[in-house]
Amino acid sequence: LGGATLAELAVEFERATRRRLVLADPALAELRFGGRFRADDIDGFTHLLATTLDLDVESAADGTIVLRKKNSNSP
């Protein structure tokens, strides 16, 4: 019920793609998502998150993807 948390999905995407998905805001980890996602399409999934949750998506040279809230006022 309620789908998987974003933290759980991040683990599944890392397992399938060998690319790390980092949640810069701990509150993002607890968000729940239902539905079906292709485990090998981490770019499509992060694009969906960026557009629906208004997140910034940063890709590092090593393939790591960092998600953070756009209006985050981090110190």
C-alpha atoms as a PDB file:
ATOM      1  CA  LEU A   1       0.000   0.000   0.000  1.00  0.00           C
ATOM      2  CA  GLY A   2       1.254   3.466  -0.822  1.00  0.00           C
ATOM      3  CA  GLY A   3       4.088   2.320  -3.076  1.00  0.00           C
ATOM      4  CA  ALA A   4       7.796   2.461  -2.341  1.00  0.00           C
ATOM      5  CA  THR A   5       9.690   5.317  -0.739  1.00  0.00           C
ATOM      6  CA  LEU A   6      12.068   7.344  -2.851  1.00  0.00           C
ATOM      7  CA  ALA A   7      14.908   5.958  -0.732  1.00  0.00           C
ATOM      8  CA  GLU A   8      13.852   2.397  -1.628  1.00  0.00           C
ATOM      9  CA  LEU A   9      13.548   3.300  -5.306  1.00  0.00           C
ATOM     10  CA  ALA A  10      17.009   4.887  -5.246  1.00  0.00           C
ATOM     11  CA  VAL A  11      18.462   1.569  -4.036  1.00  0.00           C
ATOM     12  CA  GLU A  12      16.661  -0.332  -6.808  1.00  0.00           C
ATOM     13  CA  PHE A  13      17.855   2.069  -9.515  1.00  0.00           C
ATOM     14  CA  GLU A  14      21.427   1.840  -8.231  1.00  0.00           C
ATOM     15  CA  ARG A  15      21.217  -1.957  -8.305  1.00  0.00           C
ATOM     16  CA  ALA A  16      19.920  -1.940 -11.889  1.00  0.00           C
ATOM     17  CA  THR A  17      22.071   0.840 -13.357  1.00  0.00           C
ATOM     18  CA  ARG A  18      25.152   0.978 -11.111  1.00  0.00           C
ATOM     19  CA  ARG A  19      24.483   4.734 -10.857  1.00  0.00           C
ATOM     20  CA  ARG A  20      24.038   6.255  -7.419  1.00  0.00           C
ATOM     21  CA  LEU A  21      20.968   8.392  -6.705  1.00  0.00           C
ATOM     22  CA  VAL A  22      21.614  10.796  -3.816  1.00  0.00           C
ATOM     23  CA  LEU A  23      18.769  12.553  -2.007  1.00  0.00           C
ATOM     24  CA  ALA A  24      20.235  15.834  -0.743  1.00  0.00           C
ATOM     25  CA  ASP A  25      17.151  16.574   1.358  1.00  0.00           C
ATOM     26  CA  PRO A  26      16.297  13.831   3.887  1.00  0.00           C
ATOM     27  CA  ALA A  27      12.577  14.647   3.559  1.00  0.00           C
ATOM     28  CA  LEU A  28      12.689  13.387  -0.043  1.00  0.00           C
ATOM     29  CA  ALA A  29      13.626   9.900   1.125  1.00  0.00           C
ATOM     30  CA  GLU A  30      10.233   9.335   2.747  1.00  0.00           C
ATOM     31  CA  LEU A  31       8.102  10.360  -0.252  1.00  0.00           C
ATOM     32  CA  ARG A  32       6.117   7.401  -1.567  1.00  0.00           C
ATOM     33  CA  PHE A  33       5.555   6.555  -5.213  1.00  0.00           C
ATOM     34  CA  GLY A  34       3.282   4.029  -6.805  1.00  0.00           C
ATOM     35  CA  GLY A  35       3.316   2.758 -10.343  1.00  0.00           C
ATOM     36  CA  ARG A  36       5.779   1.049 -12.587  1.00  0.00           C
ATOM     37  CA  PHE A  37       9.155   2.423 -13.568  1.00  0.00           C
ATOM     38  CA  ARG A  38      11.780   0.906 -15.833  1.00  0.00           C
ATOM     39  CA  ALA A  39      14.689   0.066 -13.563  1.00  0.00           C
ATOM     40  CA  ASP A  40      17.177   0.823 -16.340  1.00  0.00           C
ATOM     41  CA  ASP A  41      15.771   4.313 -17.066  1.00  0.00           C
ATOM     42  CA  ILE A  42      17.131   6.353 -14.174  1.00  0.00           C
ATOM     43  CA  ASP A  43      17.326   9.463 -16.372  1.00  0.00           C
ATOM     44  CA  GLY A  44      13.639   9.240 -17.252  1.00  0.00           C
ATOM     45  CA  PHE A  45      12.730   8.653 -13.619  1.00  0.00           C
ATOM     46  CA  THR A  46      14.768  11.614 -12.348  1.00  0.00           C
ATOM     47  CA  HIS A  47      13.285  13.825 -15.089  1.00  0.00           C
ATOM     48  CA  LEU A  48       9.813  12.814 -13.899  1.00  0.00           C
ATOM     49  CA  LEU A  49      10.767  13.661 -10.309  1.00  0.00           C
ATOM     50  CA  ALA A  50      12.260  16.991 -11.355  1.00  0.00           C
ATOM     51  CA  THR A  51       9.147  18.091 -13.198  1.00  0.00           C
ATOM     52  CA  THR A  52       6.531  16.802 -10.756  1.00  0.00           C
ATOM     53  CA  LEU A  53       8.310  17.685  -7.484  1.00  0.00           C
ATOM     54  CA  ASP A  54      10.179  20.820  -8.671  1.00  0.00           C
ATOM     55  CA  LEU A  55      13.621  19.367  -7.963  1.00  0.00           C
ATOM     56  CA  ASP A  56      17.071  20.156  -9.269  1.00  0.00           C
ATOM     57  CA  VAL A  57      18.841  17.163 -10.806  1.00  0.00           C
ATOM     58  CA  GLU A  58      22.648  17.282 -10.880  1.00  0.00           C
ATOM     59  CA  SER A  59      24.708  14.657 -12.665  1.00  0.00           C
ATOM     60  CA  ALA A  60      28.318  14.149 -11.617  1.00  0.00           C
ATOM     61  CA  ALA A  61      31.086  12.889 -13.887  1.00  0.00           C
ATOM     62  CA  ASP A  62      31.060   9.519 -12.108  1.00  0.00           C
ATOM     63  CA  GLY A  63      27.370   8.989 -12.963  1.00  0.00           C
ATOM     64  CA  THR A  64      26.028   9.925  -9.535  1.00  0.00           C
ATOM     65  CA  ILE A  65      22.753  11.836  -9.637  1.00  0.00           C
ATOM     66  CA  VAL A  66      21.883  14.303  -6.861  1.00  0.00           C
ATOM     67  CA  LEU A  67      18.289  15.402  -6.256  1.00  0.00           C
ATOM     68  CA  ARG A  68      17.508  18.474  -4.174  1.00  0.00           C
ATOM     69  CA  LYS A  69      14.628  20.870  -3.703  1.00  0.00           C
ATOM     70  CA  LYS A  70      14.984  23.925  -5.955  1.00  0.00           C
ATOM     71  CA  ASN A  71      14.174  26.404  -3.214  1.00  0.00           C
ATOM     72  CA  SER A  72      16.406  24.793  -0.621  1.00  0.00           C
ATOM     73  CA  ASN A  73      18.202  27.329   1.540  1.00  0.00           C
ATOM     74  CA  SER A  74      21.072  25.140   2.615  1.00  0.00           C
ATOM     75  CA  PRO A  75      23.727  26.782   4.821  1.00  0.00           C
END
